[in-house]
Amino acid sequence: MSDAVKKLTIPDLHEKKCKGERVVLASVTDYLMAQWAERGGVDVVAVGDSLGMITYGHPNTLPMTVDQMIEHIKAVRRGAPNTLCIVAMPFGSYATPQLAVENALRLMKEAGAEAVKLQGGREKFEIIKAVADAGVPVMSHVGMCPHFVNSYGGFKLQGRTAEDAFRIIDNARAIEEAGAVGFEIEAVPPEVGKAVDDAVEIFTFSIGAGGAGCGQLLLGADLIGSFDSFKPKFAKRYGNVGEVATKAFADYAEEVRSGAFPDSEHVYKMPAEEAAKFSAALVVKG
């Protein structure tokens, strides 16, 4: 990242919404992906518990723990030290206000995150308020919340009906009233996403909600094409890392089996004089 680029702060996000400026967010999982995101000019890196699926191969995000998230945040912070970092609080880590505050403080103190994000709206009002009152910049999540996957019966589009859309808007207002600095809008029709963003003054960002919100989020593994087990409708691939990597491993396997690798270019060389001494000594010792 150029030294001329100013690292965003939490107040900057609100200011950008007021000015109608777009913010680029990417969910990253590790040191290398964080480096790529920062070099590419991403404004905000998010360490989401979606890495449970991407990195650990779980069927959903629910198995992730606070300890696991802390280690990933540390790695991302080392890879993108000049980029604002938001971290997802994993499922179960904010079940009560006290537990939420304890875990939010851990994520800030031990890992270096600049904001935490949980999931839910009006039903999480007291929890969001407790975290905010503890001095932690907190965000939440409306629309399709992955932590509710079992309640939905899968990862399903939300806001299909007018009634459901108004419920999402009510959740958005509750999040703002509780003292959150922003929230994510996921997997809702674009008109619902816009109405949700219009209903609040705080920062919002969209993933699968059309152009709603001040910011747009994509999973880094989706946009570079490294995770190809499935592709959400809203994910646009800007690269095909998975295909490139698979070919590299296949070429490597072929060359090892044929004896083409390692060749003379990829081995260390002993000085000729020492090689001669060594060869002579082997003959004597042999």
Protein backbone atom coordinates (compact mmCIF):
# COMPACT_ATOMS: atom_id res chain seq x y z
CA MET A 1 0.00 0.00 0.00
CA SER A 2 1.25 3.45 -0.86
CA ASP A 3 2.34 5.61 2.07
CA ALA A 4 0.00 8.28 0.69
CA VAL A 5 -3.04 6.11 1.40
CA LYS A 6 -4.51 6.84 4.83
CA LYS A 7 -5.62 3.89 6.92
CA LEU A 8 -9.36 4.17 7.49
CA THR A 9 -10.79 4.50 10.98
CA ILE A 10 -14.24 3.67 12.30
CA PRO A 11 -15.36 7.35 12.17
CA ASP A 12 -14.17 7.47 8.54
CA LEU A 13 -16.74 4.81 7.64
CA HIS A 14 -19.61 6.97 8.87
CA GLU A 15 -18.16 9.99 7.09
CA LYS A 16 -17.92 8.08 3.83
CA LYS A 17 -21.55 7.05 4.09
CA CYS A 18 -22.55 10.68 4.61
CA LYS A 19 -20.54 11.69 1.52
CA GLY A 20 -21.79 8.78 -0.59
CA GLU A 21 -18.27 7.40 -1.06
CA ARG A 22 -17.84 3.69 -1.76
CA VAL A 23 -15.82 1.45 0.55
CA VAL A 24 -14.15 -1.80 -0.57
CA LEU A 25 -14.21 -4.68 1.91
CA ALA A 26 -12.77 -8.17 1.51
CA SER A 27 -12.97 -11.11 3.87
CA VAL A 28 -9.50 -12.64 4.24
CA THR A 29 -8.30 -15.68 6.12
CA ASP A 30 -4.53 -15.53 6.54
CA TYR A 31 -1.27 -13.62 6.16
CA LEU A 32 -0.86 -14.14 2.41
CA MET A 33 -4.42 -13.21 1.47
CA ALA A 34 -4.22 -10.17 3.72
CA GLN A 35 -1.05 -9.07 1.93
CA TRP A 36 -2.72 -9.42 -1.46
CA ALA A 37 -5.76 -7.45 -0.28
CA GLU A 38 -3.69 -4.59 1.11
CA ARG A 39 -1.45 -4.43 -1.96
CA GLY A 40 -4.60 -4.38 -4.10
CA GLY A 41 -5.96 -1.33 -2.31
CA VAL A 42 -8.81 -2.88 -0.31
CA ASP A 43 -10.10 -0.40 2.30
CA VAL A 44 -11.23 -2.85 4.99
CA VAL A 45 -10.25 -6.45 5.68
CA ALA A 46 -12.76 -8.61 7.49
CA VAL A 47 -11.77 -11.81 9.24
CA GLY A 48 -15.00 -13.76 8.98
CA ASP A 49 -15.81 -17.09 10.56
CA SER A 50 -16.58 -18.18 7.00
CA LEU A 51 -12.96 -19.32 7.16
CA GLY A 52 -14.38 -22.32 9.00
CA MET A 53 -15.68 -23.47 5.63
CA ILE A 54 -12.86 -22.10 3.46
CA THR A 55 -9.85 -23.08 5.58
CA TYR A 56 -11.11 -25.92 7.76
CA GLY A 57 -13.67 -27.55 5.46
CA HIS A 58 -16.65 -27.36 7.82
CA PRO A 59 -20.13 -27.45 6.24
CA ASN A 60 -20.99 -24.12 7.90
CA THR A 61 -19.44 -21.44 10.12
CA LEU A 62 -20.71 -22.74 13.48
CA PRO A 63 -17.70 -24.78 14.70
CA MET A 64 -15.27 -21.83 14.85
CA THR A 65 -13.98 -20.73 18.27
CA VAL A 66 -12.70 -17.45 19.68
CA ASP A 67 -9.19 -18.93 20.07
CA GLN A 68 -9.12 -19.92 16.39
CA MET A 69 -10.34 -16.50 15.30
CA ILE A 70 -7.67 -14.78 17.39
CA GLU A 71 -4.87 -16.66 15.64
CA HIS A 72 -6.28 -15.84 12.20
CA ILE A 73 -6.72 -12.17 13.09
CA LYS A 74 -3.10 -11.99 14.26
CA ALA A 75 -1.96 -13.42 10.93
CA VAL A 76 -4.15 -11.00 8.97
CA ARG A 77 -2.91 -8.06 11.05
CA ARG A 78 0.68 -9.00 10.17
CA GLY A 79 -0.23 -9.26 6.49
CA ALA A 80 -2.26 -6.04 6.31
CA PRO A 81 -1.01 -3.72 9.06
CA ASN A 82 -2.16 -0.59 7.21
CA THR A 83 -5.77 -1.69 6.65
CA LEU A 84 -8.75 -1.38 8.98
CA CYS A 85 -9.69 -4.83 10.34
CA ILE A 86 -13.13 -6.06 11.40
CA VAL A 87 -13.51 -9.49 13.00
CA ALA A 88 -16.54 -11.74 13.22
CA MET A 89 -17.45 -13.06 16.64
CA PRO A 90 -17.99 -16.80 16.20
CA PHE A 91 -21.24 -18.60 16.97
CA GLY A 92 -21.82 -18.98 20.72
CA SER A 93 -19.29 -16.32 21.69
CA TYR A 94 -21.98 -13.67 22.28
CA ALA A 95 -24.80 -15.75 23.75
CA THR A 96 -25.17 -13.40 26.74
CA PRO A 97 -24.17 -9.75 27.26
CA GLN A 98 -21.40 -10.70 29.72
CA LEU A 99 -19.97 -13.39 27.46
CA ALA A 100 -20.14 -11.06 24.47
CA VAL A 101 -18.22 -8.32 26.26
CA GLU A 102 -15.56 -10.74 27.52
CA ASN A 103 -14.98 -12.21 24.06
CA ALA A 104 -15.14 -8.86 22.26
CA LEU A 105 -12.45 -7.50 24.59
CA ARG A 106 -10.30 -10.57 23.92
CA LEU A 107 -10.60 -10.08 20.16
CA MET A 108 -9.56 -6.45 20.53
CA LYS A 109 -6.79 -6.88 23.14
CA GLU A 110 -5.22 -10.17 22.07
CA ALA A 111 -5.67 -10.01 18.30
CA GLY A 112 -5.67 -6.33 17.43
CA ALA A 113 -9.02 -6.05 15.69
CA GLU A 114 -10.48 -2.56 15.34
CA ALA A 115 -14.13 -3.62 15.42
CA VAL A 116 -16.10 -6.78 16.14
CA LYS A 117 -19.18 -8.04 14.33
CA LEU A 118 -21.88 -10.34 15.62
CA GLN A 119 -25.17 -11.41 14.02
CA GLY A 120 -28.77 -10.49 14.72
CA GLY A 121 -31.02 -7.51 15.20
CA ARG A 122 -33.65 -6.60 17.78
CA GLU A 123 -33.28 -9.89 19.64
CA LYS A 124 -29.60 -9.05 20.15
CA PHE A 125 -30.27 -5.46 21.29
CA GLU A 126 -28.99 -5.89 24.87
CA ILE A 127 -25.94 -7.79 23.67
CA ILE A 128 -24.98 -5.18 21.07
CA LYS A 129 -25.55 -2.41 23.62
CA ALA A 130 -23.39 -4.16 26.23
CA VAL A 131 -20.49 -4.50 23.80
CA ALA A 132 -20.85 -0.89 22.65
CA ASP A 133 -21.05 0.32 26.26
CA ALA A 134 -17.80 -1.55 26.98
CA GLY A 135 -16.08 0.76 24.49
CA VAL A 136 -15.79 -1.74 21.65
CA PRO A 137 -16.81 -0.62 18.14
CA VAL A 138 -19.44 -3.22 17.32
CA MET A 139 -21.25 -4.13 14.12
CA SER A 140 -23.99 -6.65 13.41
CA HIS A 141 -25.57 -8.51 10.52
CA VAL A 142 -29.05 -8.58 8.94
CA GLY A 143 -30.66 -10.52 6.11
CA MET A 144 -29.20 -13.99 5.73
CA CYS A 145 -27.22 -14.58 8.93
CA PRO A 146 -25.05 -17.71 8.65
CA HIS A 147 -25.29 -18.32 12.40
CA PHE A 148 -29.02 -18.97 11.90
CA VAL A 149 -28.44 -21.54 9.16
CA ASN A 150 -30.18 -24.32 11.06
CA SER A 151 -33.22 -22.13 11.69
CA TYR A 152 -33.43 -21.31 7.98
CA GLY A 153 -32.89 -24.91 6.90
CA GLY A 154 -29.84 -23.88 4.87
CA PHE A 155 -28.21 -20.77 3.42
CA LYS A 156 -31.32 -19.11 2.00
CA LEU A 157 -32.22 -15.71 0.56
CA GLN A 158 -34.06 -13.50 3.03
CA GLY A 159 -36.49 -10.61 2.50
CA ARG A 160 -38.55 -12.37 -0.16
CA THR A 161 -41.82 -11.06 1.24
CA ALA A 162 -42.86 -7.55 2.24
CA GLU A 163 -43.39 -8.74 5.81
CA ASP A 164 -39.89 -10.21 6.01
CA ALA A 165 -38.40 -7.09 4.42
CA PHE A 166 -39.98 -4.86 7.08
CA ARG A 167 -38.70 -7.20 9.78
CA ILE A 168 -35.15 -6.76 8.43
CA ILE A 169 -35.59 -2.98 8.43
CA ASP A 170 -36.76 -3.15 12.06
CA ASN A 171 -33.67 -5.18 12.94
CA ALA A 172 -31.47 -2.60 11.25
CA ARG A 173 -33.01 0.22 13.30
CA ALA A 174 -32.59 -1.78 16.49
CA ILE A 175 -28.90 -2.32 15.73
CA GLU A 176 -28.43 1.42 15.29
CA GLU A 177 -30.39 2.20 18.48
CA ALA A 178 -28.22 -0.25 20.43
CA GLY A 179 -25.10 1.76 19.62
CA ALA A 180 -23.54 -0.22 16.78
CA VAL A 181 -21.27 1.59 14.33
CA GLY A 182 -22.49 -0.40 11.34
CA PHE A 183 -23.80 -3.69 10.03
CA GLU A 184 -23.71 -6.15 7.14
CA ILE A 185 -26.63 -6.75 4.78
CA GLU A 186 -26.47 -10.24 3.27
CA ALA A 187 -28.47 -12.10 0.63
CA VAL A 188 -31.58 -9.98 0.23
CA PRO A 189 -33.16 -8.52 -2.93
CA PRO A 190 -31.59 -5.19 -3.96
CA GLU A 191 -34.71 -3.14 -3.19
CA VAL A 192 -34.76 -4.53 0.33
CA GLY A 193 -31.06 -3.81 0.78
CA LYS A 194 -31.57 -0.20 -0.29
CA ALA A 195 -34.51 0.27 2.05
CA VAL A 196 -32.47 -1.14 4.93
CA ASP A 197 -29.56 1.20 4.22
CA ASP A 198 -31.90 4.18 3.86
CA ALA A 199 -33.47 3.40 7.24
CA VAL A 200 -30.28 4.07 9.22
CA GLU A 201 -27.50 6.62 9.43
CA ILE A 202 -24.73 4.23 10.43
CA PHE A 203 -22.33 2.52 8.01
CA THR A 204 -23.69 -0.48 6.13
CA PHE A 205 -22.05 -2.86 3.70
CA SER A 206 -23.53 -5.39 1.34
CA ILE A 207 -22.79 -8.92 0.27
CA GLY A 208 -25.43 -10.26 -2.06
CA ALA A 209 -27.73 -7.28 -1.46
CA GLY A 210 -27.10 -5.41 -4.68
CA GLY A 211 -25.56 -1.96 -4.53
CA ALA A 212 -27.02 -1.30 -1.09
CA GLY A 213 -24.84 0.23 1.56
CA CYS A 214 -21.73 2.34 1.50
CA GLY A 215 -19.47 -0.71 1.24
CA GLN A 216 -19.32 -3.91 -0.77
CA LEU A 217 -17.92 -7.14 0.66
CA LEU A 218 -16.75 -10.30 -1.06
CA LEU A 219 -14.91 -13.27 0.38
CA GLY A 220 -11.32 -13.14 -0.78
CA ALA A 221 -11.39 -16.85 -1.53
CA ASP A 222 -14.41 -16.34 -3.78
CA LEU A 223 -13.10 -13.35 -5.68
CA ILE A 224 -9.69 -14.89 -6.41
CA GLY A 225 -11.22 -18.30 -7.15
CA SER A 226 -9.25 -20.28 -4.58
CA PHE A 227 -12.41 -21.72 -3.00
CA ASP A 228 -14.35 -23.53 -5.70
CA SER A 229 -16.42 -26.11 -3.80
CA PHE A 230 -19.41 -23.94 -4.62
CA LYS A 231 -20.02 -20.40 -5.85
CA PRO A 232 -22.71 -18.17 -4.33
CA LYS A 233 -24.83 -16.27 -6.87
CA PHE A 234 -23.50 -12.93 -5.61
CA ALA A 235 -19.82 -13.89 -5.82
CA LYS A 236 -17.93 -12.59 -8.83
CA ARG A 237 -14.64 -14.30 -9.66
CA TYR A 238 -11.85 -11.90 -10.57
CA GLY A 239 -9.24 -14.67 -10.69
CA ASN A 240 -8.94 -18.43 -10.94
CA VAL A 241 -6.36 -19.31 -8.34
CA GLY A 242 -7.87 -22.76 -7.74
CA GLU A 243 -7.38 -23.80 -11.38
CA VAL A 244 -3.86 -22.39 -11.50
CA ALA A 245 -2.90 -24.11 -8.24
CA THR A 246 -4.36 -27.46 -9.28
CA LYS A 247 -2.40 -27.36 -12.54
CA ALA A 248 0.79 -26.48 -10.64
CA PHE A 249 0.38 -29.50 -8.34
CA ALA A 250 -0.41 -31.74 -11.32
CA ASP A 251 2.67 -30.55 -13.23
CA TYR A 252 4.81 -31.08 -10.12
CA ALA A 253 3.50 -34.62 -9.63
CA GLU A 254 4.17 -35.47 -13.27
CA GLU A 255 7.75 -34.19 -13.17
CA VAL A 256 8.57 -36.00 -9.92
CA ARG A 257 7.29 -39.29 -11.32
CA SER A 258 9.13 -38.86 -14.61
CA GLY A 259 12.36 -37.80 -12.94
CA ALA A 260 12.33 -34.37 -14.61
CA PHE A 261 12.34 -32.69 -11.18
CA PRO A 262 14.64 -31.82 -9.55
CA ASP A 263 16.92 -30.81 -12.41
CA SER A 264 20.31 -29.07 -12.32
CA GLU A 265 18.69 -25.65 -11.94
CA HIS A 266 17.03 -26.61 -8.67
CA VAL A 267 19.86 -28.24 -6.70
CA TYR A 268 22.72 -26.81 -4.66
CA LYS A 269 26.25 -27.14 -6.05
CA MET A 270 29.41 -28.06 -4.21
CA PRO A 271 32.64 -26.28 -5.28
CA ALA A 272 34.43 -28.44 -7.89
CA GLU A 273 37.53 -28.89 -5.72
CA GLU A 274 35.44 -30.03 -2.73
CA ALA A 275 33.35 -32.29 -4.93
CA ALA A 276 36.51 -34.01 -6.19
CA LYS A 277 37.78 -34.52 -2.62
CA PHE A 278 34.41 -35.87 -1.57
CA SER A 279 34.26 -38.31 -4.50
CA ALA A 280 37.77 -39.53 -3.80
CA ALA A 281 36.97 -40.00 -0.10
CA LEU A 282 33.86 -42.00 -0.95
CA VAL A 283 35.92 -44.36 -3.09
CA VAL A 284 38.43 -44.88 -0.28
CA LYS A 285 35.75 -45.38 2.35
CA GLY A 286 33.73 -47.56 0.04
